[in-house]
Amino acid sequence: MEKTNTYRRSFGLVERVSLGVGGTIGSDIFVVPGIAVQLIGPTSLAVWLIVAISASSILLCLAYIAYRFTPTDSSIRYSSRPLERGSRFH
């Protein structure tokens, strides 16, 4: 009886997510900073810091919204709920 080595050729959810995350990490974290340094030099570190602070503030806002509203609320409720009290457009 002969044993053959065969590989299954299929991509499941885990493999697809791994490829997406790997592509993001490879291109965004390693390639883009090198291009930025070539274009604007050491100032790129300050630019990355500004981007990190602005992305963190957006992250905190979205985290607060996710905490404040229930999971059953849709995304339109995030913007319409603050408008319910005072300003109605009827």
Protein backbone atom coordinates (compact mmCIF):
# COMPACT_ATOMS: atom_id res chain seq x y z
CA MET A 1 0.00 0.00 0.00
CA GLU A 2 1.48 3.24 -1.13
CA LYS A 3 1.01 6.48 0.78
CA THR A 4 0.66 9.65 -1.26
CA ASN A 5 1.02 13.16 0.05
CA THR A 6 -1.81 15.31 -1.19
CA TYR A 7 -2.81 18.75 -0.12
CA ARG A 8 -6.32 20.01 0.06
CA ARG A 9 -6.71 23.18 -2.01
CA SER A 10 -9.34 25.23 -0.27
CA PHE A 11 -9.56 28.54 1.52
CA GLY A 12 -11.77 28.71 4.55
CA LEU A 13 -12.64 31.72 6.65
CA VAL A 14 -9.50 31.46 8.78
CA GLU A 15 -7.23 31.34 5.75
CA ARG A 16 -8.93 34.31 4.11
CA VAL A 17 -8.73 36.41 7.26
CA SER A 18 -5.09 35.44 7.70
CA LEU A 19 -4.29 36.55 4.15
CA GLY A 20 -6.10 39.86 4.68
CA VAL A 21 -4.36 40.58 7.97
CA GLY A 22 -1.00 39.54 6.58
CA GLY A 23 -1.43 41.78 3.55
CA THR A 24 -2.40 44.71 5.74
CA ILE A 25 0.52 44.24 8.08
CA GLY A 26 2.95 43.71 5.23
CA SER A 27 1.94 46.71 3.15
CA ASP A 28 0.80 49.23 5.73
CA ILE A 29 3.30 48.70 8.51
CA PHE A 30 6.48 47.87 6.61
CA VAL A 31 6.21 49.45 3.15
CA VAL A 32 4.40 52.75 3.72
CA PRO A 33 6.78 54.11 6.42
CA GLY A 34 9.71 53.49 4.09
CA ILE A 35 8.02 55.43 1.31
CA ALA A 36 7.16 58.25 3.74
CA VAL A 37 10.78 58.52 4.90
CA GLN A 38 11.94 58.72 1.29
CA LEU A 39 9.44 61.48 0.52
CA ILE A 40 9.65 63.76 3.58
CA GLY A 41 12.54 62.44 5.65
CA PRO A 42 12.58 62.40 9.44
CA THR A 43 9.47 64.57 9.58
CA SER A 44 7.51 61.44 8.75
CA LEU A 45 7.78 60.37 12.41
CA ALA A 46 5.83 63.47 13.47
CA VAL A 47 3.25 62.78 10.75
CA TRP A 48 2.82 59.21 11.98
CA LEU A 49 2.35 60.49 15.52
CA ILE A 50 -0.36 62.94 14.39
CA VAL A 51 -2.10 60.17 12.46
CA ALA A 52 -1.92 57.85 15.48
CA ILE A 53 -3.48 60.48 17.75
CA SER A 54 -6.29 61.24 15.30
CA ALA A 55 -7.00 57.55 14.69
CA SER A 56 -7.06 56.95 18.45
CA SER A 57 -9.58 59.75 18.97
CA ILE A 58 -11.85 58.27 16.30
CA LEU A 59 -11.43 54.86 17.93
CA LEU A 60 -12.44 56.24 21.32
CA CYS A 61 -15.51 57.95 19.85
CA LEU A 62 -16.65 54.76 18.15
CA ALA A 63 -15.98 52.75 21.30
CA TYR A 64 -18.16 55.15 23.30
CA ILE A 65 -20.95 54.91 20.73
CA ALA A 66 -20.77 51.11 20.83
CA TYR A 67 -20.94 51.22 24.63
CA ARG A 68 -23.75 53.78 24.77
CA PHE A 69 -26.19 52.17 22.36
CA THR A 70 -27.43 48.60 22.46
CA PRO A 71 -26.33 46.07 19.85
CA THR A 72 -29.87 45.93 18.46
CA ASP A 73 -29.71 49.58 17.39
CA SER A 74 -28.72 49.99 13.79
CA SER A 75 -26.05 52.38 12.58
CA ILE A 76 -28.67 54.97 11.60
CA ARG A 77 -29.68 55.17 15.26
CA TYR A 78 -26.20 56.41 16.15
CA SER A 79 -26.78 59.59 14.21
CA SER A 80 -30.54 59.99 14.64
CA ARG A 81 -30.71 59.51 18.41
CA PRO A 82 -28.92 62.77 19.34
CA LEU A 83 -31.25 64.64 16.99
CA GLU A 84 -34.40 63.25 18.61
CA ARG A 85 -34.48 65.74 21.49
CA GLY A 86 -34.31 69.23 20.05
CA SER A 87 -34.04 69.46 16.34
CA ARG A 88 -36.51 67.59 14.22
CA PHE A 89 -36.64 68.11 10.49
CA HIS A 90 -40.37 67.74 9.82
